[in-house]
Protein backbone atom coordinates (compact mmCIF):
# COMPACT_ATOMS: atom_id res chain seq x y z
CA MET A 1 -8.60 -7.28 -9.68
CA MET A 2 -6.22 -8.75 -6.65
CA THR A 3 -5.61 -6.36 -4.08
CA THR A 4 -2.18 -6.67 -2.33
CA ARG A 5 -1.82 -5.09 1.29
CA VAL A 6 2.02 -4.50 1.75
CA TYR A 7 2.99 -3.86 5.32
CA LEU A 8 6.22 -1.62 5.71
CA ARG A 9 9.11 -1.38 7.84
CA ALA A 10 10.75 2.04 8.51
CA ALA A 11 7.92 3.63 6.73
CA ARG A 12 8.12 7.34 5.51
CA LEU A 13 5.17 9.61 4.50
CA LEU A 14 6.74 12.14 1.54
CA ALA A 15 5.45 15.45 0.52
CA GLY A 16 6.38 16.18 -3.17
CA GLU A 17 5.16 14.71 -6.71
CA PRO A 18 5.01 11.15 -7.54
CA ARG A 19 7.90 9.44 -9.06
CA ALA A 20 7.92 7.33 -12.23
CA THR A 21 9.01 4.51 -10.06
CA ASP A 22 6.52 4.63 -7.53
CA LEU A 23 3.74 2.14 -7.56
CA PRO A 24 0.04 3.17 -6.95
CA ALA A 25 -1.16 3.24 -3.54
CA GLU A 26 -5.18 2.71 -3.39
CA ARG A 27 -5.18 2.92 0.27
CA VAL A 28 -2.92 3.58 3.05
CA PHE A 29 -3.35 2.74 6.93
CA ILE A 30 -1.46 3.67 10.08
CA HIS A 31 -2.03 1.79 13.16
CA ALA A 32 -0.58 4.13 15.71
CA SER A 33 -0.13 1.62 18.67
CA GLN A 34 2.47 0.69 20.95
CA VAL A 35 3.62 -1.78 18.08
CA PRO A 36 2.68 0.71 15.14
CA GLU A 37 2.26 -0.64 11.70
CA VAL A 38 1.78 1.30 8.33
CA TRP A 39 0.37 -0.53 5.16
CA VAL A 40 -0.43 0.12 1.88
CA GLU A 41 -3.05 -1.37 -0.51
CA THR A 42 -2.17 -1.81 -3.99
CA GLU A 43 -3.35 -3.41 -7.41
CA SER A 44 -0.08 -3.38 -8.76
CA THR A 45 1.52 -6.81 -9.34
CA ALA A 46 5.21 -5.22 -9.23
CA VAL A 47 5.39 -5.10 -5.61
CA PRO A 48 8.99 -6.42 -4.73
CA ASP A 49 9.70 -9.27 -2.36
CA ARG A 50 10.31 -8.88 1.50
CA GLY A 51 13.23 -7.01 2.62
CA ARG A 52 13.40 -4.95 -0.77
CA ALA A 53 12.88 -1.12 -0.69
CA VAL A 54 9.41 0.33 -2.26
CA SER A 55 7.81 3.60 -3.05
CA PHE A 56 4.00 4.29 -3.70
CA ALA A 57 2.17 7.41 -4.65
CA LEU A 58 -1.39 8.11 -3.72
CA ALA A 59 -3.47 6.98 -6.72
CA TRP A 60 -5.53 10.65 -6.17
CA HIS A 61 -4.07 13.85 -5.02
CA MET A 62 -5.90 14.12 -1.39
CA ASP A 63 -4.16 17.23 0.17
CA ILE A 64 -3.60 15.51 3.36
CA GLY A 65 0.40 16.52 3.77
CA PHE A 66 1.73 13.63 1.86
CA GLU A 67 1.52 12.30 -1.59
CA ARG A 68 4.13 9.40 -1.34
CA VAL A 69 4.87 6.73 1.28
CA ALA A 70 8.31 4.75 1.02
CA GLY A 71 9.59 1.79 3.11
CA THR A 72 11.11 -1.64 3.22
CA VAL A 73 8.80 -4.36 2.37
CA GLU A 74 8.31 -6.42 5.83
CA ARG A 75 5.41 -8.71 4.15
CA LYS A 76 2.76 -8.91 1.35
CA VAL A 77 -0.72 -10.28 1.75
CA GLN A 78 -3.23 -10.97 -1.15
CA LYS A 79 -6.83 -10.00 -0.69
CA ARG A 80 -9.34 -11.50 -2.53
CA ALA A 81 -12.43 -9.54 -3.27
CA ALA A 82 -15.60 -10.35 -0.92
CA PRO A 83 -18.25 -11.98 -2.78
CA THR A 84 -20.76 -9.34 -4.33
CA GLU A 85 -24.54 -9.80 -3.13
CA GLY A 86 -26.19 -12.68 -5.47
CA SER A 87 -22.54 -14.31 -5.98
CA THR A 88 -21.70 -17.70 -5.00
CA PRO A 89 -18.58 -17.74 -3.12
CA ARG A 90 -15.94 -20.48 -3.81
C-alpha cells in the first residue's frame, strides 16, 4: 500500500469523536521549530489537492488529548515502502 505524507497549513489538533468525512491518520508528526510543521501520514487515496481543507482521525484511539487533526493541504508527498530484507530494490 502507498503512504501519503500530507503537510498541513493552519493545522489544529482536535478532541472529539471522528467524523464520517475524516481520513485515517496512521501517523501524526509535529516539528516544533522556528518554522513549525505538522504532517500526517495516511494510506487513504482520497487526500484532497493543495489548498483544500482536510481532516483526519487517528486510526487508533491513543488517549493523548486529541483524536482528530484538521488543516489545509500545503503539499503531498508519496512515500514508497522501503525494500524488505532479501528483496530486490527497483
